[in-house]
Amino acid sequence: MPLGQTPGWLRQWYGNELDPHAVFTVRGVGICEPMFNANVHRPIGTGDWLIMFFHKAARLERFNLKPTATPNTLILWPPGVEQFYSWGQSADIEPHSWMHLEGSWVGEQVEDNRIPTAIPILLETETLITNTLQFLMNEMNQHERIDRIILQNLFQNWARSLARYLQTRDPQHSIPESLLKIRAYLDDHFTEATPLNELTRIARMSRSHLCHQFRNHFGTTISSYVVRKRMSIAQRLLYDLHIRPGEIAKIVGYPDIYQFSKQFKKTFGVSPTQYRNQHKIAGEF
């Protein structure tokens, strides 16, 4: 039986550490798990994809003390994106379901199916997510030899089913093609200075309209998206003890270690070296 199982809910963590070269990895799954902790705030996310479904009303805004998400709300947090969630009324009774996933292929599926990220998505029924979570958990737990293709097929089918649901039931969540092009450009050029004039040319929008639409659909500013992308990759690379912080700085687009360390400390609260040492002590390497 999965670790942490109690009547009515399931939780399993598979112990897969962050891998900057991962294609698709299931790191953990939870089904109808009560929320025990209030005000979970991760300024730079978890380093992987966190996909969470709230079965009852929840708070997704830090400074709003009332529930801001209705029951049956789904949200997909990409690596490096700020996360906040809390119960709507009290601990232990308000369930949520979730999966931690890692790998470049996850992002490809989300983008190919135009699934919005970091913003609430209202679903009509919980089975659209819980059935897939149960299938993933079954494959991970019940077979001595896990079939990665089956796992990928399960996630891909879920992503396509969600996309079809959004297109037919909730079309306002569709991300315009122009913004998908902007995001793809930023993902390919995150090590470079953000050329706003070039972005407006690609999107065929004015600066103000582009900035507003980007924040509306992706939940962050263009410059913050680039910084989060850099910091998320830097965070993963620090797990590789063979790469020095100065090399990581260049890989993620900073001309020197000082600028990189300053931004990293601003993001995580510690320097890259301190971050690496903390996780070495914790035995995560």
Protein backbone atom coordinates (compact mmCIF):
# COMPACT_ATOMS: atom_id res chain seq x y z
CA MET A 1 0.00 0.00 0.00
CA PRO A 2 1.27 3.52 -0.68
CA LEU A 3 3.11 5.27 2.09
CA GLY A 4 0.91 7.65 4.03
CA GLN A 5 -2.31 5.91 3.07
CA THR A 6 -5.27 6.54 5.30
CA PRO A 7 -8.93 5.78 4.63
CA GLY A 8 -10.15 8.04 1.86
CA TRP A 9 -6.86 9.42 0.59
CA LEU A 10 -3.57 8.31 -0.96
CA ARG A 11 -0.10 9.79 -1.06
CA GLN A 12 3.12 8.43 -2.54
CA TRP A 13 6.49 10.09 -3.00
CA TYR A 14 8.87 8.17 -5.23
CA GLY A 15 12.12 9.77 -4.16
CA ASN A 16 13.31 10.84 -7.61
CA GLU A 17 15.69 13.76 -7.20
CA LEU A 18 15.74 16.72 -9.55
CA ASP A 19 17.52 15.96 -12.80
CA PRO A 20 18.23 18.81 -15.27
CA HIS A 21 18.37 16.27 -18.12
CA ALA A 22 15.11 14.46 -17.31
CA VAL A 23 12.58 13.86 -20.09
CA PHE A 24 9.66 12.59 -18.04
CA THR A 25 9.70 11.53 -14.39
CA VAL A 26 6.84 11.01 -11.94
CA ARG A 27 8.18 12.26 -8.61
CA GLY A 28 5.03 11.98 -6.53
CA VAL A 29 1.24 11.58 -6.57
CA GLY A 30 -1.47 12.45 -4.07
CA ILE A 31 -5.21 11.77 -4.29
CA CYS A 32 -7.78 13.55 -2.10
CA GLU A 33 -5.13 14.33 0.50
CA PRO A 34 -6.16 16.77 3.27
CA MET A 35 -4.28 20.07 3.39
CA PHE A 36 -2.45 20.03 6.71
CA ASN A 37 -0.40 23.21 6.35
CA ALA A 38 -1.70 26.73 5.87
CA ASN A 39 -0.07 29.34 3.66
CA VAL A 40 2.30 27.19 1.63
CA HIS A 41 4.44 29.76 -0.16
CA ARG A 42 7.31 28.86 -2.47
CA PRO A 43 8.66 32.01 -4.19
CA ILE A 44 10.52 30.03 -6.84
CA GLY A 45 8.32 26.95 -6.93
CA THR A 46 9.57 23.41 -6.44
CA GLY A 47 12.01 22.98 -9.32
CA ASP A 48 9.60 20.65 -11.10
CA TRP A 49 6.01 20.73 -12.37
CA LEU A 50 3.39 20.77 -9.63
CA ILE A 51 -0.13 20.08 -10.90
CA MET A 52 -2.71 20.50 -8.15
CA PHE A 53 -6.47 20.09 -7.96
CA PHE A 54 -8.53 21.55 -5.10
CA HIS A 55 -11.67 19.56 -4.35
CA LYS A 56 -13.02 22.34 -2.12
CA ALA A 57 -12.61 26.11 -2.01
CA ALA A 58 -9.03 27.21 -1.43
CA ARG A 59 -6.91 30.32 -1.18
CA LEU A 60 -4.52 30.95 -4.06
CA GLU A 61 -3.74 34.58 -3.28
CA ARG A 62 -1.36 35.34 -0.42
CA PHE A 63 -2.93 38.55 0.78
CA ASN A 64 -6.56 37.53 0.48
CA LEU A 65 -7.85 35.80 3.61
CA LYS A 66 -10.97 34.50 1.87
CA PRO A 67 -11.09 31.58 -0.59
CA THR A 68 -10.19 32.72 -4.08
CA ALA A 69 -10.61 29.38 -5.85
CA THR A 70 -13.92 27.56 -6.09
CA PRO A 71 -14.22 23.78 -5.64
CA ASN A 72 -12.88 21.75 -8.59
CA THR A 73 -10.09 24.21 -9.36
CA LEU A 74 -6.97 22.99 -11.16
CA ILE A 75 -3.65 24.80 -11.45
CA LEU A 76 -0.40 23.87 -13.21
CA TRP A 77 2.76 25.43 -11.78
CA PRO A 78 5.81 25.10 -14.07
CA PRO A 79 9.34 24.86 -12.64
CA GLY A 80 10.56 28.15 -11.24
CA VAL A 81 7.13 29.75 -10.87
CA GLU A 82 5.91 31.09 -7.54
CA GLN A 83 3.40 28.90 -5.70
CA PHE A 84 0.96 29.79 -2.96
CA TYR A 85 -1.98 27.81 -1.66
CA SER A 86 -3.88 27.36 1.58
CA TRP A 87 -7.10 25.87 2.82
CA GLY A 88 -10.23 27.95 2.54
CA GLN A 89 -11.58 27.41 6.06
CA SER A 90 -9.64 24.96 8.24
CA ALA A 91 -6.94 22.28 8.21
CA ASP A 92 -7.28 18.55 7.67
CA ILE A 93 -10.73 18.57 6.08
CA GLU A 94 -10.14 20.24 2.71
CA PRO A 95 -8.69 17.74 0.21
CA HIS A 96 -6.42 18.33 -2.74
CA SER A 97 -4.97 16.01 -5.37
CA TRP A 98 -1.61 16.54 -7.02
CA MET A 99 1.28 15.22 -9.06
CA HIS A 100 4.92 16.29 -9.12
CA LEU A 101 6.43 15.75 -12.57
CA GLU A 102 9.76 16.60 -14.09
CA GLY A 103 11.19 16.69 -17.58
CA SER A 104 11.30 18.66 -20.80
CA TRP A 105 8.57 16.46 -22.30
CA VAL A 106 6.06 17.66 -19.68
CA GLY A 107 6.45 21.25 -20.81
CA GLU A 108 6.14 20.19 -24.44
CA GLN A 109 2.81 18.50 -23.76
CA VAL A 110 1.48 21.49 -21.85
CA GLU A 111 2.54 23.87 -24.60
CA ASP A 112 1.38 21.67 -27.50
CA ASN A 113 -2.07 21.41 -25.91
CA ARG A 114 -2.16 25.10 -25.02
CA ILE A 115 -2.92 24.46 -21.37
CA PRO A 116 -2.63 27.65 -19.32
CA THR A 117 -0.13 27.65 -16.48
CA ALA A 118 -0.02 29.36 -13.07
CA ILE A 119 -3.68 30.43 -13.27
CA PRO A 120 -6.79 28.69 -11.87
CA ILE A 121 -8.76 26.44 -14.22
CA LEU A 122 -12.27 25.41 -13.23
CA LEU A 123 -13.22 21.81 -14.05
CA GLU A 124 -16.69 20.35 -14.17
CA THR A 125 -15.72 17.11 -12.43
CA GLU A 126 -12.83 15.83 -10.35
CA THR A 127 -12.58 12.58 -12.32
CA LEU A 128 -10.80 14.43 -15.12
CA ILE A 129 -7.76 14.52 -12.85
CA THR A 130 -8.24 11.84 -10.18
CA ASN A 131 -8.63 8.94 -12.63
CA THR A 132 -5.29 9.74 -14.24
CA LEU A 133 -3.59 10.11 -10.85
CA GLN A 134 -4.88 6.69 -9.84
CA PHE A 135 -3.62 5.13 -13.08
CA LEU A 136 -0.19 6.74 -12.60
CA MET A 137 -0.01 5.52 -9.03
CA ASN A 138 -1.07 2.01 -10.04
CA GLU A 139 1.65 1.80 -12.68
CA MET A 140 4.29 3.10 -10.27
CA ASN A 141 3.27 0.87 -7.35
CA GLN A 142 1.95 -2.37 -8.74
CA HIS A 143 4.61 -3.35 -11.25
CA GLU A 144 8.16 -4.36 -10.48
CA ARG A 145 9.23 -3.07 -13.86
CA ILE A 146 7.71 0.35 -14.53
CA ASP A 147 6.86 1.04 -18.18
CA ARG A 148 7.84 4.65 -18.94
CA ILE A 149 5.88 4.61 -22.19
CA ILE A 150 2.69 3.75 -20.31
CA LEU A 151 3.35 6.61 -17.89
CA GLN A 152 3.91 9.04 -20.73
CA ASN A 153 0.78 7.84 -22.52
CA LEU A 154 -1.27 8.35 -19.36
CA PHE A 155 -0.06 11.92 -18.98
CA GLN A 156 -0.39 12.72 -22.67
CA ASN A 157 -3.95 11.41 -22.77
CA TRP A 158 -4.77 13.50 -19.70
CA ALA A 159 -3.28 16.64 -21.25
CA ARG A 160 -5.21 16.12 -24.48
CA SER A 161 -8.45 15.43 -22.59
CA LEU A 162 -7.95 18.59 -20.56
CA ALA A 163 -7.27 20.60 -23.71
CA ARG A 164 -10.44 19.30 -25.34
CA TYR A 165 -12.41 20.14 -22.22
CA LEU A 166 -11.08 23.69 -22.16
CA GLN A 167 -11.77 24.23 -25.84
CA THR A 168 -15.39 23.10 -25.56
CA ARG A 169 -16.32 24.25 -22.05
CA ASP A 170 -14.00 27.08 -21.12
CA PRO A 171 -12.65 28.75 -24.27
CA GLN A 172 -11.49 31.90 -22.44
CA HIS A 173 -8.54 29.89 -21.14
CA SER A 174 -7.14 29.43 -24.64
CA ILE A 175 -3.73 31.05 -24.99
CA PRO A 176 -3.37 33.11 -28.20
CA GLU A 177 -0.87 31.78 -30.72
CA SER A 178 1.06 35.06 -30.56
CA LEU A 179 1.72 34.64 -26.83
CA LEU A 180 2.78 31.01 -27.29
CA LYS A 181 5.34 32.27 -29.81
CA ILE A 182 6.60 34.82 -27.29
CA ARG A 183 6.96 32.20 -24.58
CA ALA A 184 8.75 29.85 -26.96
CA TYR A 185 11.10 32.68 -27.96
CA LEU A 186 11.89 33.42 -24.31
CA ASP A 187 12.49 29.73 -23.60
CA ASP A 188 14.96 29.57 -26.50
CA HIS A 189 16.69 32.89 -25.72
CA PHE A 190 16.50 33.12 -21.92
CA THR A 191 20.29 33.59 -21.66
CA GLU A 192 20.06 36.83 -23.65
CA ALA A 193 18.82 40.28 -22.71
CA THR A 194 15.06 40.49 -23.22
CA PRO A 195 14.57 42.39 -26.54
CA LEU A 196 11.16 43.95 -26.03
CA ASN A 197 11.13 45.49 -29.50
CA GLU A 198 11.70 42.06 -31.02
CA LEU A 199 8.93 40.58 -28.88
CA THR A 200 6.45 43.22 -29.98
CA ARG A 201 7.37 42.48 -33.60
CA ILE A 202 6.78 38.74 -33.11
CA ALA A 203 3.50 39.25 -31.25
CA ARG A 204 2.36 42.14 -33.47
CA MET A 205 1.21 44.03 -30.39
CA SER A 206 2.11 47.28 -28.75
CA ARG A 207 4.45 47.11 -25.75
CA SER A 208 1.75 47.87 -23.22
CA HIS A 209 -0.71 45.37 -24.72
CA LEU A 210 1.92 42.64 -24.93
CA CYS A 211 3.02 43.13 -21.32
CA HIS A 212 -0.59 43.12 -20.12
CA GLN A 213 -1.56 40.02 -22.09
CA PHE A 214 1.56 38.11 -21.09
CA ARG A 215 0.94 38.76 -17.41
CA ASN A 216 -2.75 37.92 -17.80
CA HIS A 217 -2.12 34.53 -19.41
CA PHE A 218 1.09 33.43 -17.68
CA GLY A 219 0.73 35.09 -14.28
CA THR A 220 4.04 36.97 -14.39
CA THR A 221 5.87 39.76 -16.19
CA ILE A 222 8.15 39.06 -19.13
CA SER A 223 11.30 40.00 -17.21
CA SER A 224 10.27 37.91 -14.19
CA TYR A 225 9.57 34.95 -16.47
CA VAL A 226 13.12 35.12 -17.82
CA VAL A 227 14.63 35.43 -14.34
CA ARG A 228 12.58 32.51 -13.05
CA LYS A 229 13.66 30.44 -16.05
CA ARG A 230 17.30 31.21 -15.33
CA MET A 231 17.00 30.56 -11.61
CA SER A 232 15.07 27.33 -12.10
CA ILE A 233 17.79 25.93 -14.36
CA ALA A 234 20.53 27.21 -12.06
CA GLN A 235 18.80 25.53 -9.12
CA ARG A 236 18.88 22.18 -10.91
CA LEU A 237 22.47 22.56 -12.10
CA LEU A 238 23.66 23.13 -8.54
CA TYR A 239 22.75 19.50 -7.86
CA ASP A 240 25.57 18.53 -10.20
CA LEU A 241 28.70 18.84 -8.07
CA HIS A 242 30.93 18.73 -11.15
CA ILE A 243 29.72 22.17 -12.34
CA ARG A 244 31.16 25.20 -10.55
CA PRO A 245 28.85 28.15 -9.70
CA GLY A 246 30.86 30.36 -12.07
CA GLU A 247 30.14 27.97 -14.94
CA ILE A 248 26.45 27.86 -14.02
CA ALA A 249 26.35 31.66 -14.14
CA LYS A 250 27.49 31.62 -17.76
CA ILE A 251 25.17 28.75 -18.71
CA VAL A 252 22.08 30.66 -17.53
CA GLY A 253 23.10 34.00 -19.04
CA TYR A 254 24.98 36.03 -16.43
CA PRO A 255 28.30 37.58 -17.50
CA ASP A 256 29.93 37.09 -14.10
CA ILE A 257 29.49 35.20 -10.84
CA TYR A 258 28.68 38.37 -8.90
CA GLN A 259 25.51 39.27 -10.82
CA PHE A 260 24.43 35.64 -10.77
CA SER A 261 25.01 35.28 -7.01
CA LYS A 262 23.16 38.50 -6.31
CA GLN A 263 20.06 37.37 -8.24
CA PHE A 264 20.24 33.85 -6.82
CA LYS A 265 20.38 35.15 -3.25
CA LYS A 266 17.51 37.53 -3.98
CA THR A 267 15.46 34.60 -5.24
CA PHE A 268 16.36 31.87 -2.75
CA GLY A 269 17.65 33.83 0.24
CA VAL A 270 21.12 32.21 0.10
CA SER A 271 24.10 32.27 -2.25
CA PRO A 272 24.57 29.47 -4.81
CA THR A 273 27.39 27.99 -2.73
CA GLN A 274 25.31 28.11 0.45
CA TYR A 275 22.38 26.51 -1.39
CA ARG A 276 24.57 23.68 -2.62
CA ASN A 277 26.11 23.13 0.83
CA GLN A 278 22.71 23.10 2.54
CA HIS A 279 21.44 20.38 0.25
CA LYS A 280 24.66 18.39 0.58
CA ILE A 281 24.17 18.38 4.36
CA ALA A 282 20.55 17.34 3.89
CA GLY A 283 21.77 14.37 1.86
CA GLU A 284 19.95 15.31 -1.34
CA PHE A 285 22.99 14.79 -3.58
